[in-house]
Amino acid sequence: MEDEKVSRPMKVLSLSNIANNAYLNAKILRGFGIENDVICHDYYHIMGCFQWEEDCSLVSYVHTPEILRRPGHAIPPAAPPAAFIQGPFILALLYLLSPPTGPRRRLLRRLLSFYARLGRKSQNSPGLLYAALERICQGPLNIISRLMRHIHAARPSARPPAAPAWDKNKILPCGETGQAADKNHAYLWANRDAWWISLLGRVLERYDIIIGYGLDGYLPWCAGQRPYCAFEHGTIRSIPFENTFQGRLCAATYQNADHVFISNCDNVVAAQKLGLKKYSFLPHPINEDIPGWLNPAELRQSLNRLHPADFWIFHPARQHWDEERHPSWEKGNDRLIHGLADAVRAGLDFAAVFVAWGRHVKKSQALLKELGLDDRVIWIDPMPHPLMVEYILATDVTADQFHLGAFGSIAPKALYLKRPVLIHLDGERHRWCLPEMPPMVNVKEPAEIARALERLAGDAAHRERTAESGHQWYMRYHSNAVIGRALLAAFDKIGFRPSGERL
């Protein structure tokens, strides 16, 4: 193909926004001069909303009642960035096809905001929104379909999507799945020959590269749009190997992608098992913007009023531990709790902050009580980025996870903020993508955890050295600048340059 010069910046579209990975990567790419829109469709969990990263306006009480600082009350809600579209999938497509200014876009933005607010009230059942929209429309989106035809004339695409390369014998029928979170994928897949596929194709062709996060890479694949990249955030670890509709669709999504971003180092094993050839490591994006209103010293004083201690541990990881040690969910919180008990028996005086989220919060609380540690642990609600930063800075060490042998976004966030990290890290699974292992405190068993805590608490100089070396490692191998360059390198491999030059 001859070189083609395009007189505009590269345009990237991101689909889905679990854990704000798409939002943060888009923010990084815009810093490199690349236009990037994010469709956060039919997903209203608070950790998928841009406010979770920026302004705390989604939460009212993120601290326990005894901790008086509640910054969420003082922060006005921010308007969604124009490039962040959250709401029903069809409305998001219509929004992107509407003129950039004018009454249509304003109307669609209001409709999207309405459904986003409604969705957050029923965030555990996103499929309800499609059902409600269908009832309102008295049929499967007929009114919106007619609206789309009137507004956009529904003319054939200049580049009609190629026939999707799916195998109906390998993809299970959508009726097999009963999971609420999977119903929208099943609905769209079951109706892939309907009018919406043409609408989707017309949106996708406006972009140079599509990035589907998790399962959402199936959308450009289904529409025949190339190139598309797939971003895994744990979704490749076990889902593609499940004999379900979702599992088979997920496997096909990764196998047909022009490039796959592996964001969890250990998942190279799953990538190889799927037979992927075009993949690269892309660190979990971390929001490096630190609000000026934070006051970790005041928060530390507030914590000390509840439990005076010279050494504070912060454990924000999801509470999930059981006998199965499920590879996609297990955090090994029980190992940390037993390690804390060992540290107490060795004479360590400490207090800890745990975050009350995950399937086994009550189980962890019962174990803490059984071991006589419940009076040393303060439980708080899940918190957005700014407040999590405040807790990391107000405490002495961050304890992450102790089973999987990998890290997600918690550990690098703490390294960036110059706090030591306790974690179990399997070095062999990381050497393929990290030229240097992160200087985290690598522990797994309770006795190891106890000894590490004793040394960190008793040697301030060692604690500071560990924190500083972690920060330097982050800047070399995990920073936003590193992530931006890694994204550009992948785009270059599949034939696109930021200047719009198409190879």
Protein backbone atom coordinates (compact mmCIF):
# COMPACT_ATOMS: atom_id res chain seq x y z
CA MET A 1 0.00 0.00 0.00
CA GLU A 2 1.32 3.44 -0.87
CA ASP A 3 1.88 5.90 1.94
CA GLU A 4 -1.18 8.01 2.63
CA LYS A 5 -0.83 11.42 4.27
CA VAL A 6 -3.76 12.54 6.39
CA SER A 7 -3.94 16.19 7.39
CA ARG A 8 -5.20 15.56 10.93
CA PRO A 9 -4.01 13.91 14.11
CA MET A 10 -4.61 10.21 14.64
CA LYS A 11 -8.06 9.43 16.02
CA VAL A 12 -8.57 6.58 18.47
CA LEU A 13 -11.85 5.24 19.85
CA SER A 14 -11.90 3.29 23.11
CA LEU A 15 -14.80 0.98 23.91
CA SER A 16 -15.69 0.19 27.56
CA ASN A 17 -14.13 1.70 30.65
CA ILE A 18 -13.77 -0.86 33.43
CA ALA A 19 -11.61 0.55 36.25
CA ASN A 20 -11.16 3.75 34.19
CA ASN A 21 -8.40 2.11 32.15
CA ALA A 22 -9.79 3.53 28.89
CA TYR A 23 -10.34 6.98 30.36
CA LEU A 24 -6.80 7.19 31.73
CA ASN A 25 -5.17 5.81 28.57
CA ALA A 26 -7.17 8.30 26.52
CA LYS A 27 -5.97 11.07 28.81
CA ILE A 28 -2.37 9.93 28.24
CA LEU A 29 -2.83 9.76 24.46
CA ARG A 30 -4.31 13.25 24.34
CA GLY A 31 -1.13 14.41 26.05
CA PHE A 32 0.71 13.03 23.01
CA GLY A 33 -1.53 15.02 20.66
CA ILE A 34 -3.81 12.11 19.68
CA GLU A 35 -7.56 12.56 19.60
CA ASN A 36 -9.31 9.91 21.65
CA ASP A 37 -12.97 9.34 22.44
CA VAL A 38 -14.19 6.88 25.07
CA ILE A 39 -17.55 5.09 24.92
CA CYS A 40 -18.43 3.82 28.37
CA HIS A 41 -21.62 2.09 27.27
CA ASP A 42 -24.09 0.36 29.57
CA TYR A 43 -21.57 0.35 32.40
CA TYR A 44 -22.28 2.55 35.41
CA HIS A 45 -20.12 1.18 38.20
CA ILE A 46 -18.57 4.07 40.08
CA MET A 47 -15.06 2.92 39.13
CA GLY A 48 -15.99 3.32 35.47
CA CYS A 49 -17.08 6.94 35.84
CA PHE A 50 -14.60 9.72 35.11
CA GLN A 51 -15.52 11.45 38.39
CA TRP A 52 -13.93 8.53 40.25
CA GLU A 53 -10.55 9.67 38.95
CA GLU A 54 -10.99 13.40 39.05
CA ASP A 55 -13.36 15.03 41.51
CA CYS A 56 -14.96 12.60 44.03
CA SER A 57 -18.41 13.98 43.26
CA LEU A 58 -19.98 10.52 43.07
CA VAL A 59 -19.45 9.82 46.76
CA SER A 60 -20.83 11.49 49.88
CA TYR A 61 -19.29 9.56 52.76
CA VAL A 62 -16.11 7.78 51.85
CA HIS A 63 -14.71 7.84 55.38
CA THR A 64 -16.05 6.22 58.50
CA PRO A 65 -18.27 8.51 60.62
CA GLU A 66 -15.43 9.00 63.12
CA ILE A 67 -13.14 10.51 60.47
CA LEU A 68 -14.41 14.01 60.05
CA ARG A 69 -12.85 15.00 56.73
CA ARG A 70 -15.32 14.37 53.90
CA PRO A 71 -13.87 16.14 50.84
CA GLY A 72 -16.59 14.68 48.60
CA HIS A 73 -19.06 17.19 50.08
CA ALA A 74 -16.99 20.21 49.14
CA ILE A 75 -16.25 19.30 45.56
CA PRO A 76 -18.78 20.31 42.89
CA PRO A 77 -19.51 17.63 40.28
CA ALA A 78 -17.61 18.15 37.07
CA ALA A 79 -19.23 18.14 33.65
CA PRO A 80 -18.24 15.07 31.65
CA PRO A 81 -15.44 15.69 29.16
CA ALA A 82 -16.76 15.96 25.61
CA ALA A 83 -14.65 12.94 24.68
CA PHE A 84 -16.18 10.73 27.42
CA ILE A 85 -19.55 9.27 26.44
CA GLN A 86 -21.37 7.22 29.07
CA GLY A 87 -24.84 5.80 28.50
CA PRO A 88 -26.75 3.30 26.34
CA PHE A 89 -24.74 1.98 23.42
CA ILE A 90 -27.07 3.21 20.68
CA LEU A 91 -27.29 6.73 22.11
CA ALA A 92 -23.49 6.83 22.34
CA LEU A 93 -23.21 5.96 18.64
CA LEU A 94 -25.77 8.60 17.69
CA TYR A 95 -23.87 11.15 19.77
CA LEU A 96 -20.62 10.47 17.91
CA LEU A 97 -22.39 10.75 14.54
CA SER A 98 -24.04 14.06 15.42
CA PRO A 99 -22.48 17.41 14.45
CA PRO A 100 -19.91 18.55 17.05
CA THR A 101 -22.03 21.59 17.90
CA GLY A 102 -25.71 22.31 17.75
CA PRO A 103 -29.02 21.23 19.26
CA ARG A 104 -28.76 17.53 18.32
CA ARG A 105 -25.55 17.00 20.25
CA ARG A 106 -26.84 18.97 23.23
CA LEU A 107 -30.01 16.87 23.28
CA LEU A 108 -28.09 13.61 23.01
CA ARG A 109 -25.69 14.71 25.76
CA ARG A 110 -28.65 15.37 28.05
CA LEU A 111 -30.14 11.97 27.24
CA LEU A 112 -26.79 10.30 27.93
CA SER A 113 -26.45 12.12 31.25
CA PHE A 114 -29.97 11.09 32.22
CA TYR A 115 -29.31 7.42 31.51
CA ALA A 116 -25.91 7.58 33.23
CA ARG A 117 -27.54 8.89 36.42
CA LEU A 118 -30.24 6.25 36.14
CA GLY A 119 -27.64 3.57 35.49
CA ARG A 120 -25.59 4.44 38.55
CA LYS A 121 -28.66 3.85 40.69
CA SER A 122 -28.91 0.32 39.29
CA GLN A 123 -25.25 -0.27 38.53
CA ASN A 124 -25.32 -3.97 39.35
CA SER A 125 -27.92 -4.67 36.64
CA PRO A 126 -26.85 -2.79 33.50
CA GLY A 127 -29.08 -5.00 31.36
CA LEU A 128 -32.10 -3.28 32.91
CA LEU A 129 -31.39 -0.13 30.90
CA TYR A 130 -31.75 -1.87 27.57
CA ALA A 131 -34.95 -3.49 28.75
CA ALA A 132 -36.30 -0.12 29.93
CA LEU A 133 -35.28 1.57 26.68
CA GLU A 134 -36.99 -1.14 24.67
CA ARG A 135 -40.20 -0.79 26.67
CA ILE A 136 -40.17 2.97 26.21
CA CYS A 137 -39.67 2.48 22.48
CA GLN A 138 -42.40 -0.21 22.28
CA GLY A 139 -40.06 -2.59 20.51
CA PRO A 140 -36.36 -3.26 20.04
CA LEU A 141 -35.16 0.32 19.72
CA ASN A 142 -37.61 1.14 16.87
CA ILE A 143 -38.06 4.79 17.77
CA ILE A 144 -34.33 5.41 18.00
CA SER A 145 -33.91 3.50 14.76
CA ARG A 146 -36.38 5.82 13.03
CA LEU A 147 -34.71 8.84 14.64
CA MET A 148 -31.35 7.67 13.35
CA ARG A 149 -32.72 7.24 9.82
CA HIS A 150 -34.26 10.73 9.82
CA ILE A 151 -31.22 12.46 11.26
CA HIS A 152 -28.50 10.64 9.39
CA ALA A 153 -30.41 9.40 6.31
CA ALA A 154 -28.86 5.95 6.99
CA ARG A 155 -26.97 6.08 3.72
CA PRO A 156 -24.61 3.17 2.98
CA SER A 157 -21.16 3.52 4.42
CA ALA A 158 -18.41 4.64 2.06
CA ARG A 159 -16.38 1.73 3.43
CA PRO A 160 -18.97 -0.96 4.19
CA PRO A 161 -17.87 -3.35 6.94
CA ALA A 162 -16.50 -6.66 5.72
CA ALA A 163 -18.35 -9.82 6.64
CA PRO A 164 -17.38 -10.78 10.21
CA ALA A 165 -15.26 -13.92 10.47
CA TRP A 166 -17.25 -15.63 13.21
CA ASP A 167 -18.02 -19.34 13.30
CA LYS A 168 -21.57 -19.91 14.47
CA ASN A 169 -20.66 -23.47 15.44
CA LYS A 170 -18.09 -22.20 17.90
CA ILE A 171 -20.00 -19.29 19.39
CA LEU A 172 -22.67 -20.53 21.76
CA PRO A 173 -26.20 -19.09 21.51
CA CYS A 174 -26.76 -15.97 23.55
CA GLY A 175 -29.56 -17.61 25.48
CA GLU A 176 -27.05 -19.75 27.35
CA THR A 177 -25.81 -16.92 29.52
CA GLY A 178 -27.76 -15.84 32.56
CA GLN A 179 -25.38 -13.21 33.90
CA ALA A 180 -26.83 -9.69 34.00
CA ALA A 181 -23.51 -8.12 32.99
CA ASP A 182 -23.42 -10.33 29.90
CA LYS A 183 -26.93 -9.59 28.64
CA ASN A 184 -25.98 -6.53 26.61
CA HIS A 185 -23.23 -8.42 24.79
CA ALA A 186 -25.68 -11.23 24.10
CA TYR A 187 -28.35 -8.78 22.90
CA LEU A 188 -26.02 -7.01 20.50
CA TRP A 189 -24.50 -10.25 19.24
CA ALA A 190 -27.92 -11.80 18.64
CA ASN A 191 -28.89 -8.70 16.62
CA ARG A 192 -25.59 -8.31 14.76
CA ASP A 193 -27.34 -8.45 11.37
CA ALA A 194 -29.77 -5.68 12.32
CA TRP A 195 -29.57 -1.99 11.49
CA TRP A 196 -27.27 -1.18 14.41
CA ILE A 197 -24.30 -2.90 12.76
CA SER A 198 -24.42 -0.35 9.94
CA LEU A 199 -24.63 2.44 12.49
CA LEU A 200 -21.67 0.99 14.38
CA GLY A 201 -19.67 0.68 11.19
CA ARG A 202 -20.29 4.33 10.32
CA VAL A 203 -18.98 5.39 13.73
CA LEU A 204 -15.93 3.13 13.69
CA GLU A 205 -14.81 4.20 10.23
CA ARG A 206 -14.28 7.74 11.54
CA TYR A 207 -11.36 6.49 13.63
CA ASP A 208 -7.94 5.18 12.69
CA ILE A 209 -7.68 2.67 15.53
CA ILE A 210 -10.27 1.08 17.81
CA ILE A 211 -9.30 -0.25 21.25
CA GLY A 212 -11.79 -2.67 22.77
CA TYR A 213 -11.34 -3.10 26.50
CA GLY A 214 -12.07 -6.56 27.87
CA LEU A 215 -14.83 -8.25 25.90
CA ASP A 216 -15.71 -5.12 23.92
CA GLY A 217 -13.14 -5.86 21.24
CA TYR A 218 -15.82 -8.03 19.70
CA LEU A 219 -17.66 -4.90 18.51
CA PRO A 220 -15.15 -3.79 15.84
CA TRP A 221 -14.52 -7.45 14.97
CA CYS A 222 -18.24 -8.00 14.47
CA ALA A 223 -18.47 -4.85 12.33
CA GLY A 224 -15.49 -5.84 10.21
CA GLN A 225 -13.51 -2.76 11.26
CA ARG A 226 -9.72 -2.89 11.04
CA PRO A 227 -7.44 -2.32 12.74
CA TYR A 228 -8.64 -2.97 16.26
CA CYS A 229 -6.72 -3.63 19.43
CA ALA A 230 -7.86 -5.55 22.49
CA PHE A 231 -6.90 -4.51 26.02
CA GLU A 232 -7.02 -7.17 28.74
CA HIS A 233 -7.41 -6.17 32.36
CA GLY A 234 -7.56 -9.63 33.84
CA THR A 235 -10.24 -10.70 31.34
CA ILE A 236 -7.81 -12.94 29.46
CA ARG A 237 -6.73 -14.93 32.52
CA SER A 238 -9.64 -17.37 32.66
CA ILE A 239 -12.72 -16.10 30.76
CA PRO A 240 -11.56 -17.16 27.24
CA PHE A 241 -11.20 -20.73 28.45
CA GLU A 242 -14.71 -21.04 29.85
CA ASN A 243 -17.20 -23.10 27.85
CA THR A 244 -19.80 -20.31 27.82
CA PHE A 245 -21.05 -17.75 25.34
CA GLN A 246 -19.01 -15.06 27.05
CA GLY A 247 -15.90 -17.24 27.18
CA ARG A 248 -15.93 -18.19 23.51
CA LEU A 249 -16.71 -14.67 22.38
CA CYS A 250 -13.86 -13.35 24.54
CA ALA A 251 -11.41 -15.88 23.08
CA ALA A 252 -12.42 -15.01 19.52
CA THR A 253 -12.06 -11.29 20.30
CA TYR A 254 -8.44 -11.67 21.39
CA GLN A 255 -7.52 -14.15 18.66
CA ASN A 256 -8.83 -11.88 15.87
CA ALA A 257 -7.34 -8.62 17.19
CA ASP A 258 -4.60 -6.83 15.25
CA HIS A 259 -2.84 -6.28 18.56
CA VAL A 260 -3.48 -7.25 22.19
CA PHE A 261 -2.33 -5.20 25.15
CA ILE A 262 -1.40 -7.35 28.16
CA SER A 263 -1.78 -5.20 31.28
CA ASN A 264 -1.15 -7.98 33.83
CA CYS A 265 2.34 -9.39 33.39
CA ASP A 266 1.35 -12.93 34.38
CA ASN A 267 -1.23 -13.11 31.60
CA VAL A 268 1.43 -13.82 29.01
CA VAL A 269 0.66 -17.45 29.91
CA ALA A 270 -2.97 -17.04 28.81
CA ALA A 271 -1.90 -15.16 25.66
CA GLN A 272 0.38 -18.00 24.65
CA LYS A 273 -2.30 -20.57 25.45
CA LEU A 274 -4.67 -18.73 23.09
CA GLY A 275 -2.00 -18.76 20.39
CA LEU A 276 -1.68 -14.96 20.20
CA LYS A 277 1.24 -13.63 18.16
CA LYS A 278 0.67 -9.87 18.20
CA TYR A 279 0.73 -8.67 21.80
CA SER A 280 2.78 -6.42 24.04
CA PHE A 281 2.90 -5.34 27.65
CA LEU A 282 1.07 -2.15 28.58
CA PRO A 283 1.17 -1.14 32.26
CA HIS A 284 -2.04 -0.30 34.07
CA PRO A 285 -2.52 3.47 33.70
CA ILE A 286 -2.16 5.47 36.90
CA ASN A 287 -3.62 8.92 37.39
CA GLU A 288 -0.54 11.02 38.14
CA ASP A 289 -2.56 14.17 38.88
CA ILE A 290 -2.54 14.84 42.64
CA PRO A 291 -5.17 17.36 43.83
CA GLY A 292 -3.81 20.30 45.77
CA TRP A 293 -6.55 20.12 48.43
CA LEU A 294 -5.32 16.85 49.90
CA ASN A 295 -4.11 16.99 53.51
CA PRO A 296 -2.61 13.59 54.48
CA ALA A 297 -1.12 15.00 57.68
CA GLU A 298 -4.56 15.98 58.93
CA LEU A 299 -5.92 12.56 57.94
CA ARG A 300 -3.09 10.87 59.88
CA GLN A 301 -4.01 12.87 62.96
CA SER A 302 -7.63 11.83 62.52
CA LEU A 303 -6.61 8.18 62.29
CA ASN A 304 -4.43 8.45 65.36
CA ARG A 305 -7.34 9.77 67.36
CA LEU A 306 -9.08 6.47 66.66
CA HIS A 307 -6.05 4.29 67.36
CA PRO A 308 -2.76 5.92 68.36
CA ALA A 309 0.02 4.14 66.50
CA ASP A 310 3.45 4.99 65.15
CA PHE A 311 3.10 2.62 62.18
CA TRP A 312 0.09 2.51 59.84
CA ILE A 313 -0.66 -0.08 57.15
CA PHE A 314 -3.04 0.59 54.25
CA HIS A 315 -4.70 -2.43 52.61
CA PRO A 316 -6.99 -1.30 49.76
CA ALA A 317 -7.12 -4.63 47.90
CA ARG A 318 -10.46 -6.31 47.30
CA GLN A 319 -11.38 -8.77 50.05
CA HIS A 320 -11.46 -12.14 48.31
CA TRP A 321 -9.87 -15.28 49.72
CA ASP A 322 -11.07 -18.85 49.88
CA GLU A 323 -9.92 -22.42 49.49
CA GLU A 324 -10.31 -22.38 45.69
CA ARG A 325 -7.79 -19.52 45.22
CA HIS A 326 -9.54 -18.51 41.98
CA PRO A 327 -6.94 -17.01 39.59
CA SER A 328 -9.13 -14.07 38.58
CA TRP A 329 -10.34 -13.09 42.05
CA GLU A 330 -8.01 -14.31 44.79
CA LYS A 331 -6.09 -11.66 46.78
CA GLY A 332 -4.73 -13.71 49.70
CA ASN A 333 -6.06 -11.27 52.32
CA ASP A 334 -6.03 -14.05 54.93
CA ARG A 335 -2.25 -14.34 54.60
CA LEU A 336 -1.89 -10.65 55.42
CA ILE A 337 -4.23 -10.97 58.41
CA HIS A 338 -2.30 -13.95 59.80
CA GLY A 339 0.92 -12.03 59.16
CA LEU A 340 -0.42 -9.12 61.21
CA ALA A 341 -1.18 -11.54 64.05
CA ASP A 342 2.39 -12.88 63.89
CA ALA A 343 3.72 -9.30 63.97
CA VAL A 344 1.67 -8.51 67.10
CA ARG A 345 3.06 -11.60 68.84
CA ALA A 346 6.54 -10.35 67.93
CA GLY A 347 5.78 -7.03 69.65
CA LEU A 348 4.90 -4.76 66.72
CA ASP A 349 2.48 -1.96 67.59
CA PHE A 350 0.56 -0.97 64.48
CA ALA A 351 -2.84 0.04 63.15
CA ALA A 352 -4.31 -0.61 59.72
CA VAL A 353 -6.92 0.70 57.28
CA PHE A 354 -8.84 -1.89 55.26
CA VAL A 355 -11.29 -1.10 52.46
CA ALA A 356 -14.71 -2.74 52.74
CA TRP A 357 -15.19 -4.08 49.26
CA GLY A 358 -15.18 -7.58 47.83
CA ARG A 359 -17.02 -10.82 48.47
CA HIS A 360 -15.35 -11.70 51.75
CA VAL A 361 -15.44 -8.54 53.86
CA LYS A 362 -17.40 -10.24 56.65
CA LYS A 363 -15.11 -13.25 56.47
CA SER A 364 -12.06 -11.00 56.91
CA GLN A 365 -13.71 -9.14 59.77
CA ALA A 366 -14.48 -12.45 61.50
CA LEU A 367 -10.86 -13.62 61.12
CA LEU A 368 -9.54 -10.32 62.50
CA LYS A 369 -11.82 -10.70 65.51
CA GLU A 370 -10.81 -14.33 66.01
CA LEU A 371 -7.13 -13.32 66.06
CA GLY A 372 -7.74 -10.34 68.36
CA LEU A 373 -6.91 -7.74 65.72
CA ASP A 374 -10.31 -6.15 65.11
CA ASP A 375 -9.57 -3.16 67.37
CA ARG A 376 -6.43 -2.38 65.32
CA VAL A 377 -8.21 -2.21 61.95
CA ILE A 378 -10.36 0.67 60.67
CA TRP A 379 -12.71 -0.16 57.81
CA ILE A 380 -13.58 2.49 55.24
CA ASP A 381 -15.71 2.52 52.09
CA PRO A 382 -14.21 2.23 48.58
CA MET A 383 -12.69 5.55 47.60
CA PRO A 384 -11.95 7.42 44.36
CA HIS A 385 -8.45 8.26 43.22
CA PRO A 386 -7.91 11.55 45.11
CA LEU A 387 -8.91 10.06 48.46
CA MET A 388 -6.98 6.87 47.88
CA VAL A 389 -3.92 9.03 47.26
CA GLU A 390 -4.57 10.75 50.58
CA TYR A 391 -4.71 7.43 52.45
CA ILE A 392 -1.55 6.13 50.80
CA LEU A 393 0.29 9.31 51.79
CA ALA A 394 -1.16 9.28 55.32
CA THR A 395 0.07 5.74 56.04
CA ASP A 396 3.53 4.16 56.10
CA VAL A 397 3.19 1.11 53.88
CA THR A 398 0.70 -0.24 51.34
CA ALA A 399 -0.17 -3.95 51.51
CA ASP A 400 -1.49 -5.25 48.19
CA GLN A 401 -2.17 -8.94 47.35
CA PHE A 402 -0.49 -12.17 48.41
CA HIS A 403 -1.45 -15.03 46.13
CA LEU A 404 -1.48 -14.36 42.39
CA GLY A 405 2.11 -13.20 42.06
CA ALA A 406 1.20 -10.17 39.96
CA PHE A 407 0.27 -6.52 40.48
CA GLY A 408 -2.45 -4.32 39.05
CA SER A 409 -2.86 -0.60 39.68
CA ILE A 410 -2.62 -0.40 43.49
CA ALA A 411 1.08 -1.22 43.75
CA PRO A 412 2.35 1.22 41.09
CA LYS A 413 0.15 3.98 42.51
CA ALA A 414 1.86 3.51 45.88
CA LEU A 415 5.31 3.39 44.27
CA TYR A 416 4.59 6.64 42.44
CA LEU A 417 3.62 8.21 45.78
CA LYS A 418 6.85 6.98 47.44
CA ARG A 419 5.40 4.38 49.76
CA PRO A 420 6.78 0.84 50.23
CA VAL A 421 4.59 -1.96 48.87
CA LEU A 422 4.14 -5.42 50.34
CA ILE A 423 3.07 -7.96 47.71
CA HIS A 424 3.71 -11.44 46.41
CA LEU A 425 5.49 -11.11 43.07
CA ASP A 426 6.33 -14.03 40.75
CA GLY A 427 9.46 -12.79 39.03
CA GLU A 428 9.50 -15.48 36.34
CA ARG A 429 6.18 -14.31 34.95
CA HIS A 430 7.38 -10.71 34.73
CA ARG A 431 10.78 -11.01 33.09
CA TRP A 432 9.31 -11.06 29.57
CA CYS A 433 8.09 -7.48 29.91
CA LEU A 434 10.02 -5.82 32.75
CA PRO A 435 13.75 -5.21 32.28
CA GLU A 436 14.03 -4.74 36.04
CA MET A 437 11.84 -6.16 38.80
CA PRO A 438 10.05 -3.49 40.83
CA PRO A 439 11.64 -3.00 44.26
CA MET A 440 8.54 -4.09 46.14
CA VAL A 441 8.78 -6.09 49.36
CA ASN A 442 8.14 -9.54 47.94
CA VAL A 443 6.42 -11.69 50.57
CA LYS A 444 3.72 -14.33 50.55
CA GLU A 445 3.47 -16.40 53.72
CA PRO A 446 2.34 -14.88 57.06
CA ALA A 447 5.77 -15.26 58.68
CA GLU A 448 7.43 -13.40 55.79
CA ILE A 449 4.85 -10.64 55.96
CA ALA A 450 5.37 -10.25 59.70
CA ARG A 451 9.15 -9.99 59.37
CA ALA A 452 8.89 -7.44 56.57
CA LEU A 453 6.52 -5.27 58.58
CA GLU A 454 8.78 -5.44 61.64
CA ARG A 455 11.77 -4.23 59.61
CA LEU A 456 9.85 -1.46 57.86
CA ALA A 457 8.41 -0.24 61.15
CA GLY A 458 11.72 -0.42 63.01
CA ASP A 459 14.04 1.09 60.40
CA ALA A 460 12.88 4.44 59.02
CA ALA A 461 15.97 4.75 56.78
CA HIS A 462 15.22 1.38 55.19
CA ARG A 463 11.62 2.42 54.69
CA GLU A 464 12.65 5.65 52.95
CA ARG A 465 15.18 3.87 50.71
CA THR A 466 12.58 1.31 49.69
CA ALA A 467 10.07 4.06 48.93
CA GLU A 468 12.52 6.13 46.88
CA SER A 469 13.78 3.19 44.83
CA GLY A 470 10.15 2.23 44.11
CA HIS A 471 9.39 5.72 42.85
CA GLN A 472 12.45 5.73 40.59
CA TRP A 473 11.45 2.33 39.17
CA TYR A 474 7.96 3.63 38.47
CA MET A 475 9.28 6.64 36.57
CA ARG A 476 11.54 4.43 34.42
CA TYR A 477 9.15 1.58 33.64
CA HIS A 478 5.54 2.44 34.50
CA SER A 479 4.89 6.17 34.17
CA ASN A 480 2.32 7.81 31.92
CA ALA A 481 5.14 8.74 29.55
CA VAL A 482 6.16 5.07 29.33
CA ILE A 483 2.55 4.02 28.67
CA GLY A 484 2.14 6.66 25.96
CA ARG A 485 5.28 5.51 24.15
CA ALA A 486 4.17 1.87 24.40
CA LEU A 487 0.79 2.72 22.84
CA LEU A 488 2.45 4.64 20.00
CA ALA A 489 4.86 1.76 19.37
CA ALA A 490 1.93 -0.66 19.03
CA PHE A 491 0.07 1.70 16.69
CA ASP A 492 3.21 1.99 14.60
CA LYS A 493 3.41 -1.80 14.28
CA ILE A 494 -0.09 -1.98 12.85
CA GLY A 495 0.52 0.87 10.45
CA PHE A 496 -0.37 4.21 11.99
CA ARG A 497 1.65 7.20 13.12
CA PRO A 498 0.42 10.02 15.43
CA SER A 499 0.78 12.54 12.60
CA GLY A 500 -1.92 10.72 10.66
CA GLU A 501 0.59 9.05 8.35
CA ARG A 502 -0.80 5.68 7.36
CA LEU A 503 1.85 3.13 6.35
